[in-house]
């Protein structure tokens, strides 16, 4: 019996050691979720800021749609998420870290050799149906909110594109127009014009979101501020919490 007892005790000790090692690894990792709409440059800044401020921690990356990210945050499966600033999330701190211009993709201008150029205003888009994507990344929510907040009717194309690339392809087919962040333009050949409203460029904001009671809460504000400070961008450092009015 003694060899069996000894083996059992050794197995229990090994299990305890493995549990401590896994717990230590979990504490060392900051689990970061990102929306597909997030520019890769912003993710790179997050990694640079993490290495600079928290060299003993690793940044564990997960890409998912916006609803999945919100659920993972609220359940504690993520410590931090980068997503479009389109809604208020209960129990979370939300800090805008980056904004970028939104452009309008227009259908080809018939047989004209000189396609339209220069900015286009939001209230002039009634001439086109707008092609939207499934509201997984936040771009459709941003578009709908933009028109509703500006009290401008949204003429929606009855179909739905599956990706940003398809948005661009369908505008080239003449099915309608589309709004897209400038960072998601996939290459030349598209008639993209700056979108303006009230003589100002239309910007889409991205924010860092974390739970107020997150296990990493004490470290996250400095990390988020560093992400916002990296690089040249239109940073808006406002904080939003669940009991504050949405901006």
Protein backbone atom coordinates (compact mmCIF):
# COMPACT_ATOMS: atom_id res chain seq x y z
CA UNK A 1 0.00 0.00 0.00
CA UNK A 2 2.86 2.41 0.78
CA UNK A 3 3.93 2.96 -2.86
CA UNK A 4 0.31 3.77 -3.79
CA UNK A 5 -0.03 6.19 -0.88
CA UNK A 6 3.25 7.85 -1.81
CA UNK A 7 2.16 8.21 -5.44
CA UNK A 8 -1.17 9.69 -4.35
CA UNK A 9 0.55 12.26 -2.11
CA UNK A 10 2.95 13.18 -4.90
CA UNK A 11 0.02 13.67 -7.29
CA UNK A 12 -1.72 15.98 -4.80
CA UNK A 13 1.49 18.01 -4.40
CA UNK A 14 1.89 18.24 -8.18
CA UNK A 15 -1.73 19.35 -8.54
CA UNK A 16 -1.23 22.09 -5.94
CA UNK A 17 1.96 23.26 -7.67
CA UNK A 18 0.17 23.38 -11.05
CA UNK A 19 -2.71 25.34 -9.55
CA UNK A 20 -0.33 27.90 -8.02
CA UNK A 21 1.53 28.22 -11.32
CA UNK A 22 -1.71 28.73 -13.28
CA UNK A 23 -2.91 31.30 -10.75
CA UNK A 24 0.38 33.20 -11.02
CA UNK A 25 0.17 33.19 -14.84
CA UNK A 26 -3.43 34.47 -14.67
CA UNK A 27 -2.40 37.32 -12.39
CA UNK A 28 0.45 38.22 -14.73
CA UNK A 29 -1.76 38.49 -17.80
CA UNK A 30 -3.96 41.46 -18.65
CA UNK A 31 -6.71 40.11 -20.88
CA UNK A 32 -7.46 42.66 -23.62
CA UNK A 33 -10.42 42.37 -25.97
CA UNK A 34 -10.61 44.32 -29.22
CA UNK A 35 -13.43 44.99 -31.67
CA UNK A 36 -12.77 44.24 -35.38
CA UNK A 37 -13.28 47.97 -36.00
CA UNK A 38 -10.21 48.87 -33.92
CA UNK A 39 -7.23 50.08 -35.96
CA UNK A 40 -4.20 47.80 -35.64
CA UNK A 41 -2.13 50.86 -34.74
CA UNK A 42 -4.17 51.29 -31.56
CA UNK A 43 -3.53 47.66 -30.61
CA UNK A 44 0.19 48.19 -31.22
CA UNK A 45 0.11 51.20 -28.88
CA UNK A 46 -1.58 49.06 -26.23
CA UNK A 47 1.26 46.52 -26.43
CA UNK A 48 3.91 49.27 -26.31
CA UNK A 49 2.27 50.89 -23.29
CA UNK A 50 1.94 47.55 -21.53
CA UNK A 51 5.61 46.70 -22.03
CA UNK A 52 6.63 50.13 -20.77
CA UNK A 53 4.40 50.34 -17.68
CA UNK A 54 3.85 46.69 -16.73
CA UNK A 55 6.87 44.71 -17.94
CA UNK A 56 6.07 41.87 -15.54
CA UNK A 57 2.61 41.39 -17.08
CA UNK A 58 1.71 39.96 -20.47
CA UNK A 59 -1.04 41.33 -22.69
CA UNK A 60 -3.39 38.54 -23.73
CA UNK A 61 -5.32 39.56 -26.87
CA UNK A 62 -8.80 38.45 -27.95
CA UNK A 63 -10.76 39.81 -30.93
CA UNK A 64 -14.54 39.49 -30.83
CA UNK A 65 -17.68 41.38 -31.78
CA UNK A 66 -18.79 44.19 -29.52
CA UNK A 67 -21.58 42.29 -27.73
CA UNK A 68 -19.25 39.38 -26.94
CA UNK A 69 -16.66 41.81 -25.57
CA UNK A 70 -19.25 43.46 -23.32
CA UNK A 71 -20.41 40.10 -21.98
CA UNK A 72 -16.81 38.99 -21.35
CA UNK A 73 -16.07 42.22 -19.47
CA UNK A 74 -19.14 41.92 -17.26
CA UNK A 75 -18.45 38.23 -16.51
CA UNK A 76 -14.81 38.91 -15.61
CA UNK A 77 -13.40 36.95 -18.56
CA UNK A 78 -11.69 40.14 -19.83
CA UNK A 79 -9.90 42.88 -17.89
CA UNK A 80 -10.00 45.57 -20.58
CA UNK A 81 -11.61 46.09 -23.99
CA UNK A 82 -11.09 48.52 -26.89
CA UNK A 83 -14.27 49.18 -28.81
CA UNK A 84 -16.25 51.95 -30.56
CA UNK A 85 -17.79 54.49 -28.20
CA UNK A 86 -21.43 53.85 -29.07
CA UNK A 87 -23.12 52.79 -25.81
CA UNK A 88 -22.97 52.98 -22.02
CA UNK A 89 -22.03 49.72 -20.26
CA UNK A 90 -23.35 49.30 -16.69
CA UNK A 91 -20.73 48.99 -13.95
CA UNK A 92 -17.86 50.00 -16.23
CA UNK A 93 -15.51 52.93 -16.70
CA UNK A 94 -15.32 54.09 -20.32
CA UNK A 95 -12.52 56.37 -21.48
CA UNK A 96 -12.22 57.58 -25.05
CA UNK A 97 -8.66 57.07 -26.24
CA UNK A 98 -8.78 57.73 -29.97
CA UNK A 99 -10.90 59.25 -32.70
CA UNK A 100 -10.52 59.15 -36.47
CA UNK A 101 -12.32 60.68 -39.46
CA UNK A 102 -15.22 58.92 -41.13
CA UNK A 103 -15.34 58.96 -44.92
CA UNK A 104 -18.20 58.32 -47.31
CA UNK A 105 -17.83 55.79 -50.12
CA UNK A 106 -19.93 56.83 -53.10
CA UNK A 107 -21.15 54.88 -56.12
CA UNK A 108 -19.26 55.54 -59.38
CA UNK A 109 -20.20 58.85 -60.96
CA UNK A 110 -21.68 57.46 -64.18
CA UNK A 111 -19.50 58.15 -67.21
CA UNK A 112 -17.88 61.22 -65.71
CA UNK A 113 -14.10 61.34 -65.90
CA UNK A 114 -14.05 63.72 -62.94
CA UNK A 115 -15.62 62.04 -59.89
CA UNK A 116 -16.83 64.36 -57.12
CA UNK A 117 -14.14 65.58 -54.75
CA UNK A 118 -13.98 67.50 -51.51
CA UNK A 119 -16.06 67.00 -48.37
CA UNK A 120 -19.68 65.86 -48.41
CA UNK A 121 -22.18 66.86 -45.74
CA UNK A 122 -24.23 64.45 -43.68
CA UNK A 123 -27.55 66.06 -44.64
CA UNK A 124 -26.81 65.57 -48.36
CA UNK A 125 -26.69 61.78 -48.09
CA UNK A 126 -30.41 61.47 -48.69
CA UNK A 127 -29.60 60.96 -52.37
CA UNK A 128 -28.09 57.54 -51.64
CA UNK A 129 -29.23 54.41 -49.85
CA UNK A 130 -26.63 53.57 -47.19
CA UNK A 131 -25.20 50.05 -47.14
CA UNK A 132 -24.65 48.76 -43.59
CA UNK A 133 -22.90 45.76 -42.04
CA UNK A 134 -24.29 43.50 -39.28
CA UNK A 135 -24.05 45.39 -36.03
CA UNK A 136 -21.31 43.22 -34.55
CA UNK A 137 -18.45 45.71 -34.51
CA UNK A 138 -20.32 48.93 -33.69
CA UNK A 139 -20.13 50.65 -37.09
CA UNK A 140 -23.86 50.28 -37.76
CA UNK A 141 -24.72 51.52 -34.26
CA UNK A 142 -22.45 54.52 -34.83
CA UNK A 143 -24.11 55.26 -38.19
CA UNK A 144 -27.67 54.94 -36.85
CA UNK A 145 -26.85 57.09 -33.80
CA UNK A 146 -25.15 59.71 -35.97
CA UNK A 147 -28.24 60.20 -38.14
CA UNK A 148 -30.66 60.04 -35.20
CA UNK A 149 -28.67 62.56 -33.11
CA UNK A 150 -28.50 64.90 -36.12
CA UNK A 151 -32.25 64.47 -36.79
CA UNK A 152 -31.53 63.36 -40.36
CA UNK A 153 -33.48 60.48 -41.98
CA UNK A 154 -31.41 57.39 -42.71
CA UNK A 155 -32.15 55.82 -46.09
CA UNK A 156 -31.02 52.23 -45.54
CA UNK A 157 -30.15 49.81 -48.35
CA UNK A 158 -32.37 46.71 -47.88
CA UNK A 159 -29.47 44.28 -48.11
CA UNK A 160 -26.53 43.92 -45.74
CA UNK A 161 -22.79 43.61 -46.39
CA UNK A 162 -20.74 41.07 -44.45
CA UNK A 163 -17.50 43.05 -44.10
CA UNK A 164 -15.80 46.39 -44.69
CA UNK A 165 -14.31 45.00 -47.90
CA UNK A 166 -17.78 44.08 -49.16
CA UNK A 167 -18.99 47.59 -48.30
CA UNK A 168 -16.37 48.97 -50.65
CA UNK A 169 -17.12 46.45 -53.38
CA UNK A 170 -20.87 47.09 -53.26
CA UNK A 171 -20.45 50.85 -53.51
CA UNK A 172 -18.40 50.24 -56.64
CA UNK A 173 -21.33 48.21 -58.02
CA UNK A 174 -23.54 51.26 -57.53
CA UNK A 175 -25.79 49.70 -54.87
CA UNK A 176 -25.47 52.68 -52.56
CA UNK A 177 -23.07 54.62 -50.38
CA UNK A 178 -21.36 53.60 -47.15
CA UNK A 179 -19.75 55.21 -44.12
CA UNK A 180 -16.42 53.76 -43.02
CA UNK A 181 -13.54 54.86 -40.74
CA UNK A 182 -10.58 56.03 -42.79
CA UNK A 183 -8.34 53.32 -41.29
CA UNK A 184 -10.55 50.59 -42.81
CA UNK A 185 -10.11 51.72 -46.43
CA UNK A 186 -8.47 48.73 -48.06
CA UNK A 187 -6.74 50.40 -50.98
CA UNK A 188 -7.00 52.77 -53.97
CA UNK A 189 -9.79 52.76 -56.47
CA UNK A 190 -12.59 53.87 -54.18
CA UNK A 191 -14.28 57.25 -54.28
CA UNK A 192 -13.86 58.18 -50.61
CA UNK A 193 -14.72 61.71 -49.49
CA UNK A 194 -14.48 63.36 -46.10
CA UNK A 195 -17.80 63.46 -44.26
CA UNK A 196 -18.74 66.69 -42.50
CA UNK A 197 -21.57 67.89 -40.30
CA UNK A 198 -22.04 71.51 -39.18
CA UNK A 199 -18.78 72.40 -40.96
CA UNK A 200 -16.80 69.90 -38.87
CA UNK A 201 -15.36 66.51 -39.83
CA UNK A 202 -17.38 63.56 -38.57
CA UNK A 203 -15.22 61.51 -36.20
CA UNK A 204 -15.76 58.06 -34.74
CA UNK A 205 -14.45 57.52 -31.22
CA UNK A 206 -12.92 54.42 -29.67
CA UNK A 207 -12.76 53.81 -25.95
CA UNK A 208 -11.10 51.63 -23.37
CA UNK A 209 -13.65 49.93 -21.11
CA UNK A 210 -13.08 48.11 -17.83
CA UNK A 211 -15.15 47.07 -14.83
CA UNK A 212 -14.96 49.26 -11.75
CA UNK A 213 -14.32 46.13 -9.66
CA UNK A 214 -11.86 44.53 -12.10
CA UNK A 215 -9.03 42.55 -10.53
CA UNK A 216 -6.61 44.80 -12.46
CA UNK A 217 -8.53 48.05 -11.81
CA UNK A 218 -5.66 49.78 -9.99
CA UNK A 219 -3.30 49.33 -12.96
CA UNK A 220 -5.72 50.03 -15.80
CA UNK A 221 -6.13 53.86 -15.63
CA UNK A 222 -2.38 54.45 -16.11
CA UNK A 223 -2.27 51.90 -18.91
CA UNK A 224 -5.27 53.45 -20.66
CA UNK A 225 -3.82 56.98 -20.32
CA UNK A 226 -0.59 55.72 -21.89
CA UNK A 227 -2.50 54.13 -24.78
CA UNK A 228 -4.29 57.44 -25.37
CA UNK A 229 -1.02 59.39 -25.26
CA UNK A 230 0.86 57.20 -27.76
CA UNK A 231 1.09 58.51 -31.30
CA UNK A 232 -0.70 61.33 -33.09
CA UNK A 233 -4.47 61.16 -33.01
CA UNK A 234 -7.60 63.01 -31.98
CA UNK A 235 -7.69 61.93 -28.33
CA UNK A 236 -10.69 62.84 -26.23
CA UNK A 237 -9.90 61.98 -22.61
CA UNK A 238 -13.45 62.17 -21.22
CA UNK A 239 -14.50 59.51 -18.75
CA UNK A 240 -17.90 57.85 -18.87
CA UNK A 241 -19.36 55.65 -16.18
CA UNK A 242 -22.68 53.86 -16.06
CA UNK A 243 -24.24 56.56 -13.90
CA UNK A 244 -23.09 59.40 -16.16
CA UNK A 245 -24.84 60.67 -19.24
CA UNK A 246 -23.63 59.11 -22.48
CA UNK A 247 -21.55 61.43 -24.63
